[in-house]
Amino acid sequence: MDRELGGGNSVLPDQSLAIEARARIPAGDTFLVSVGDPQAGWSELAVPDAIDTYMRYFLLPRRQSDDARWILCLACDPGEHAGATVVWESEGGQAILRRPG
């Protein structure tokens, strides 16, 4: 799996988010990346633009959208995403949220 994640090893705070997202988000669905403040232990490369770009390609054919049903939350405030519920959460403050619909 490490080879499959490649560059994500330095960009993502925890690679389990990428693996869980690919397993849970249907191939035809959309997602949004929501990144909060950097946390202790995050690489200096773990910045919103890099995470967003990496996930865009890693999760193909899924597409990004501002009104996506699925939200990849990296130290974000889940309350900012009205109606979304947590479907997966890591010990490191990452989560996958899903909006109804």
N, C-alpha and C. Protein backbone atom coordinates (compact mmCIF):
# COMPACT_ATOMS: atom_id res chain seq x y z
N MET A 1 0.83 -1.20 0.00
CA MET A 1 0.00 0.00 0.00
C MET A 1 0.87 1.25 0.00
N ASP A 2 2.04 1.19 0.62
CA ASP A 2 2.91 2.35 0.70
C ASP A 2 3.28 2.85 -0.69
N ARG A 3 3.54 1.93 -1.59
CA ARG A 3 3.90 2.31 -2.96
C ARG A 3 2.72 3.00 -3.66
N GLU A 4 1.53 2.52 -3.39
CA GLU A 4 0.33 3.09 -4.01
C GLU A 4 0.10 4.54 -3.55
N LEU A 5 0.41 4.82 -2.30
CA LEU A 5 0.22 6.17 -1.77
C LEU A 5 1.31 7.12 -2.22
N GLY A 6 2.50 6.62 -2.48
CA GLY A 6 3.59 7.42 -3.00
C GLY A 6 3.79 8.74 -2.29
N GLY A 7 3.59 9.84 -3.02
CA GLY A 7 3.80 11.19 -2.49
C GLY A 7 2.93 11.54 -1.32
N GLY A 8 1.85 10.83 -1.14
CA GLY A 8 0.96 11.09 -0.01
C GLY A 8 1.63 10.85 1.33
N ASN A 9 2.71 10.09 1.33
CA ASN A 9 3.42 9.83 2.58
C ASN A 9 3.96 11.10 3.21
N SER A 10 4.28 12.10 2.41
CA SER A 10 4.80 13.35 2.97
C SER A 10 3.74 14.45 3.03
N VAL A 11 2.68 14.31 2.26
CA VAL A 11 1.64 15.34 2.19
C VAL A 11 0.52 15.10 3.21
N LEU A 12 0.13 13.84 3.38
CA LEU A 12 -0.97 13.52 4.28
C LEU A 12 -0.47 13.28 5.71
N PRO A 13 -1.16 13.84 6.68
CA PRO A 13 -0.77 13.59 8.08
C PRO A 13 -0.90 12.12 8.46
N ASP A 14 -1.87 11.43 7.86
CA ASP A 14 -2.11 10.02 8.15
C ASP A 14 -2.71 9.40 6.90
N GLN A 15 -2.02 8.44 6.32
CA GLN A 15 -2.44 7.86 5.06
C GLN A 15 -3.74 7.07 5.16
N SER A 16 -4.14 6.72 6.36
CA SER A 16 -5.38 5.94 6.50
C SER A 16 -6.60 6.71 5.98
N LEU A 17 -6.56 8.03 6.02
CA LEU A 17 -7.67 8.82 5.49
C LEU A 17 -7.86 8.54 4.00
N ALA A 18 -6.78 8.50 3.24
CA ALA A 18 -6.86 8.25 1.80
C ALA A 18 -7.41 6.85 1.53
N ILE A 19 -6.94 5.87 2.26
CA ILE A 19 -7.39 4.50 2.05
C ILE A 19 -8.87 4.35 2.40
N GLU A 20 -9.27 4.92 3.53
CA GLU A 20 -10.68 4.85 3.95
C GLU A 20 -11.58 5.60 2.96
N ALA A 21 -11.13 6.75 2.48
CA ALA A 21 -11.93 7.53 1.53
C ALA A 21 -12.15 6.76 0.25
N ARG A 22 -11.12 6.13 -0.25
CA ARG A 22 -11.28 5.38 -1.50
C ARG A 22 -12.20 4.17 -1.30
N ALA A 23 -12.17 3.58 -0.14
CA ALA A 23 -13.02 2.43 0.14
C ALA A 23 -14.49 2.82 0.36
N ARG A 24 -14.73 4.00 0.93
CA ARG A 24 -16.08 4.39 1.31
C ARG A 24 -16.82 5.24 0.27
N ILE A 25 -16.11 6.07 -0.45
CA ILE A 25 -16.77 6.98 -1.40
C ILE A 25 -16.97 6.26 -2.73
N PRO A 26 -18.22 6.11 -3.15
CA PRO A 26 -18.47 5.44 -4.44
C PRO A 26 -17.77 6.17 -5.59
N ALA A 27 -17.35 5.41 -6.58
CA ALA A 27 -16.58 5.96 -7.69
C ALA A 27 -17.28 7.10 -8.42
N GLY A 28 -18.59 7.14 -8.44
CA GLY A 28 -19.32 8.19 -9.14
C GLY A 28 -19.70 9.37 -8.27
N ASP A 29 -19.26 9.37 -7.03
CA ASP A 29 -19.68 10.41 -6.09
C ASP A 29 -18.66 11.55 -6.01
N THR A 30 -19.00 12.59 -5.25
CA THR A 30 -18.13 13.76 -5.12
C THR A 30 -17.64 13.90 -3.69
N PHE A 31 -16.54 14.65 -3.54
CA PHE A 31 -15.96 14.88 -2.23
C PHE A 31 -15.41 16.30 -2.13
N LEU A 32 -15.20 16.72 -0.90
CA LEU A 32 -14.63 18.02 -0.58
C LEU A 32 -13.53 17.80 0.45
N VAL A 33 -12.41 18.49 0.31
CA VAL A 33 -11.33 18.41 1.28
C VAL A 33 -11.42 19.65 2.16
N SER A 34 -11.50 19.45 3.47
CA SER A 34 -11.60 20.54 4.44
C SER A 34 -10.45 20.41 5.44
N VAL A 35 -9.53 21.36 5.41
CA VAL A 35 -8.34 21.29 6.25
C VAL A 35 -8.35 22.42 7.26
N GLY A 36 -8.21 22.05 8.53
CA GLY A 36 -8.11 23.03 9.60
C GLY A 36 -6.67 23.45 9.83
N ASP A 37 -6.40 23.95 11.00
CA ASP A 37 -5.04 24.38 11.34
C ASP A 37 -4.10 23.19 11.42
N PRO A 38 -2.85 23.36 10.95
CA PRO A 38 -1.86 22.28 11.05
C PRO A 38 -1.71 21.82 12.50
N GLN A 39 -1.51 20.53 12.66
CA GLN A 39 -1.39 19.93 13.98
C GLN A 39 0.05 19.50 14.24
N ALA A 40 0.39 19.33 15.50
CA ALA A 40 1.71 18.84 15.87
C ALA A 40 1.95 17.50 15.17
N GLY A 41 3.12 17.34 14.61
CA GLY A 41 3.46 16.09 13.93
C GLY A 41 3.19 16.09 12.44
N TRP A 42 2.46 17.09 11.94
CA TRP A 42 2.21 17.16 10.51
C TRP A 42 3.48 17.62 9.81
N SER A 43 3.73 17.10 8.64
CA SER A 43 4.85 17.52 7.81
C SER A 43 4.63 18.96 7.37
N GLU A 44 5.71 19.66 7.09
CA GLU A 44 5.56 21.03 6.58
C GLU A 44 4.95 21.03 5.18
N LEU A 45 4.87 19.87 4.56
CA LEU A 45 4.22 19.75 3.25
C LEU A 45 2.72 19.53 3.35
N ALA A 46 2.22 19.30 4.56
CA ALA A 46 0.79 19.04 4.77
C ALA A 46 0.04 20.36 4.84
N VAL A 47 -0.06 21.01 3.69
CA VAL A 47 -0.77 22.29 3.58
C VAL A 47 -2.03 22.06 2.73
N PRO A 48 -3.06 22.87 2.93
CA PRO A 48 -4.33 22.64 2.22
C PRO A 48 -4.21 22.41 0.72
N ASP A 49 -3.45 23.24 0.01
CA ASP A 49 -3.37 23.08 -1.44
C ASP A 49 -2.75 21.74 -1.83
N ALA A 50 -1.71 21.32 -1.13
CA ALA A 50 -1.05 20.05 -1.45
C ALA A 50 -1.96 18.87 -1.14
N ILE A 51 -2.64 18.92 -0.01
CA ILE A 51 -3.56 17.84 0.36
C ILE A 51 -4.70 17.76 -0.64
N ASP A 52 -5.26 18.90 -0.99
CA ASP A 52 -6.36 18.97 -1.95
C ASP A 52 -5.95 18.37 -3.30
N THR A 53 -4.80 18.78 -3.80
CA THR A 53 -4.32 18.29 -5.10
C THR A 53 -4.05 16.79 -5.05
N TYR A 54 -3.41 16.34 -3.99
CA TYR A 54 -3.11 14.91 -3.87
C TYR A 54 -4.40 14.08 -3.87
N MET A 55 -5.37 14.48 -3.06
CA MET A 55 -6.61 13.72 -2.96
C MET A 55 -7.40 13.75 -4.26
N ARG A 56 -7.32 14.85 -5.00
CA ARG A 56 -8.02 14.95 -6.28
C ARG A 56 -7.60 13.82 -7.21
N TYR A 57 -6.30 13.53 -7.26
CA TYR A 57 -5.81 12.49 -8.15
C TYR A 57 -5.90 11.09 -7.53
N PHE A 58 -5.66 10.98 -6.25
CA PHE A 58 -5.71 9.68 -5.60
C PHE A 58 -7.12 9.08 -5.66
N LEU A 59 -8.14 9.93 -5.56
CA LEU A 59 -9.51 9.44 -5.51
C LEU A 59 -10.23 9.37 -6.87
N LEU A 60 -9.53 9.65 -7.96
CA LEU A 60 -10.16 9.50 -9.27
C LEU A 60 -10.76 8.11 -9.39
N PRO A 61 -11.93 7.95 -9.97
CA PRO A 61 -12.70 8.88 -10.78
C PRO A 61 -13.66 9.76 -9.97
N ARG A 62 -13.60 9.69 -8.66
CA ARG A 62 -14.42 10.58 -7.84
C ARG A 62 -14.01 12.02 -8.13
N ARG A 63 -14.94 12.94 -8.04
CA ARG A 63 -14.66 14.35 -8.38
C ARG A 63 -14.86 15.25 -7.18
N GLN A 64 -14.10 16.34 -7.14
CA GLN A 64 -14.26 17.33 -6.08
C GLN A 64 -15.40 18.27 -6.42
N SER A 65 -16.09 18.71 -5.37
CA SER A 65 -17.19 19.65 -5.55
C SER A 65 -17.42 20.38 -4.22
N ASP A 66 -17.74 21.67 -4.30
CA ASP A 66 -18.00 22.45 -3.09
C ASP A 66 -19.25 21.98 -2.35
N ASP A 67 -20.18 21.37 -3.08
CA ASP A 67 -21.40 20.88 -2.43
C ASP A 67 -21.41 19.35 -2.37
N ALA A 68 -20.24 18.76 -2.23
CA ALA A 68 -20.08 17.31 -2.22
C ALA A 68 -20.81 16.66 -1.05
N ARG A 69 -21.17 15.42 -1.26
CA ARG A 69 -21.82 14.63 -0.22
C ARG A 69 -20.80 14.15 0.82
N TRP A 70 -19.58 13.89 0.39
CA TRP A 70 -18.52 13.38 1.25
C TRP A 70 -17.52 14.49 1.55
N ILE A 71 -17.08 14.57 2.80
CA ILE A 71 -16.12 15.60 3.22
C ILE A 71 -14.95 14.92 3.91
N LEU A 72 -13.75 15.20 3.42
CA LEU A 72 -12.54 14.70 4.05
C LEU A 72 -12.06 15.80 4.99
N CYS A 73 -12.14 15.53 6.26
CA CYS A 73 -11.89 16.53 7.29
C CYS A 73 -10.55 16.25 7.97
N LEU A 74 -9.60 17.15 7.77
CA LEU A 74 -8.30 17.03 8.40
C LEU A 74 -8.18 18.16 9.41
N ALA A 75 -8.40 17.86 10.67
CA ALA A 75 -8.39 18.84 11.75
C ALA A 75 -9.36 19.99 11.47
N CYS A 76 -10.44 19.70 10.77
CA CYS A 76 -11.44 20.73 10.49
C CYS A 76 -12.50 20.70 11.60
N ASP A 77 -13.39 21.66 11.55
CA ASP A 77 -14.51 21.71 12.48
C ASP A 77 -15.71 21.07 11.78
N PRO A 78 -16.09 19.85 12.16
CA PRO A 78 -17.22 19.19 11.49
C PRO A 78 -18.50 20.02 11.53
N GLY A 79 -18.65 20.88 12.52
CA GLY A 79 -19.83 21.72 12.63
C GLY A 79 -19.97 22.72 11.50
N GLU A 80 -18.88 22.98 10.79
CA GLU A 80 -18.93 23.90 9.65
C GLU A 80 -19.63 23.28 8.44
N HIS A 81 -19.89 22.00 8.51
CA HIS A 81 -20.50 21.29 7.39
C HIS A 81 -21.90 20.82 7.82
N ALA A 82 -22.86 21.72 7.66
CA ALA A 82 -24.23 21.51 8.12
C ALA A 82 -24.81 20.18 7.66
N GLY A 83 -25.35 19.44 8.60
CA GLY A 83 -26.02 18.19 8.31
C GLY A 83 -25.13 16.99 8.11
N ALA A 84 -23.81 17.20 8.12
CA ALA A 84 -22.89 16.09 7.88
C ALA A 84 -22.67 15.29 9.16
N THR A 85 -22.57 13.99 9.00
CA THR A 85 -22.28 13.11 10.13
C THR A 85 -20.94 12.41 9.90
N VAL A 86 -20.28 12.08 10.99
CA VAL A 86 -18.99 11.40 10.92
C VAL A 86 -19.24 9.92 10.63
N VAL A 87 -18.61 9.40 9.57
CA VAL A 87 -18.72 7.98 9.25
C VAL A 87 -17.43 7.22 9.54
N TRP A 88 -16.34 7.95 9.70
CA TRP A 88 -15.05 7.35 10.04
C TRP A 88 -14.20 8.43 10.69
N GLU A 89 -13.41 8.04 11.68
CA GLU A 89 -12.55 9.00 12.37
C GLU A 89 -11.26 8.31 12.81
N SER A 90 -10.14 9.00 12.63
CA SER A 90 -8.85 8.46 13.07
C SER A 90 -8.52 9.02 14.44
N GLU A 91 -7.54 8.44 15.08
CA GLU A 91 -7.09 8.94 16.37
C GLU A 91 -6.38 10.29 16.22
N GLY A 92 -5.92 10.59 15.01
CA GLY A 92 -5.17 11.81 14.76
C GLY A 92 -5.99 13.02 14.34
N GLY A 93 -7.30 12.97 14.50
CA GLY A 93 -8.13 14.13 14.19
C GLY A 93 -8.57 14.25 12.75
N GLN A 94 -8.47 13.16 11.99
CA GLN A 94 -8.98 13.17 10.63
C GLN A 94 -10.30 12.41 10.62
N ALA A 95 -11.17 12.81 9.70
CA ALA A 95 -12.48 12.16 9.65
C ALA A 95 -13.03 12.21 8.22
N ILE A 96 -13.97 11.31 7.99
CA ILE A 96 -14.75 11.34 6.76
C ILE A 96 -16.18 11.62 7.20
N LEU A 97 -16.75 12.66 6.64
CA LEU A 97 -18.12 13.06 6.94
C LEU A 97 -18.99 12.79 5.72
N ARG A 98 -20.29 12.61 5.97
CA ARG A 98 -21.22 12.42 4.85
C ARG A 98 -22.46 13.27 5.10
N ARG A 99 -22.83 14.00 4.08
CA ARG A 99 -24.08 14.76 4.11
C ARG A 99 -25.21 13.85 3.65
N PRO A 100 -26.41 14.08 4.14
CA PRO A 100 -27.54 13.26 3.69
C PRO A 100 -27.82 13.49 2.21
N GLY A 101 -28.42 12.50 1.61
CA GLY A 101 -28.83 12.66 0.22
C GLY A 101 -28.39 11.62 -0.64
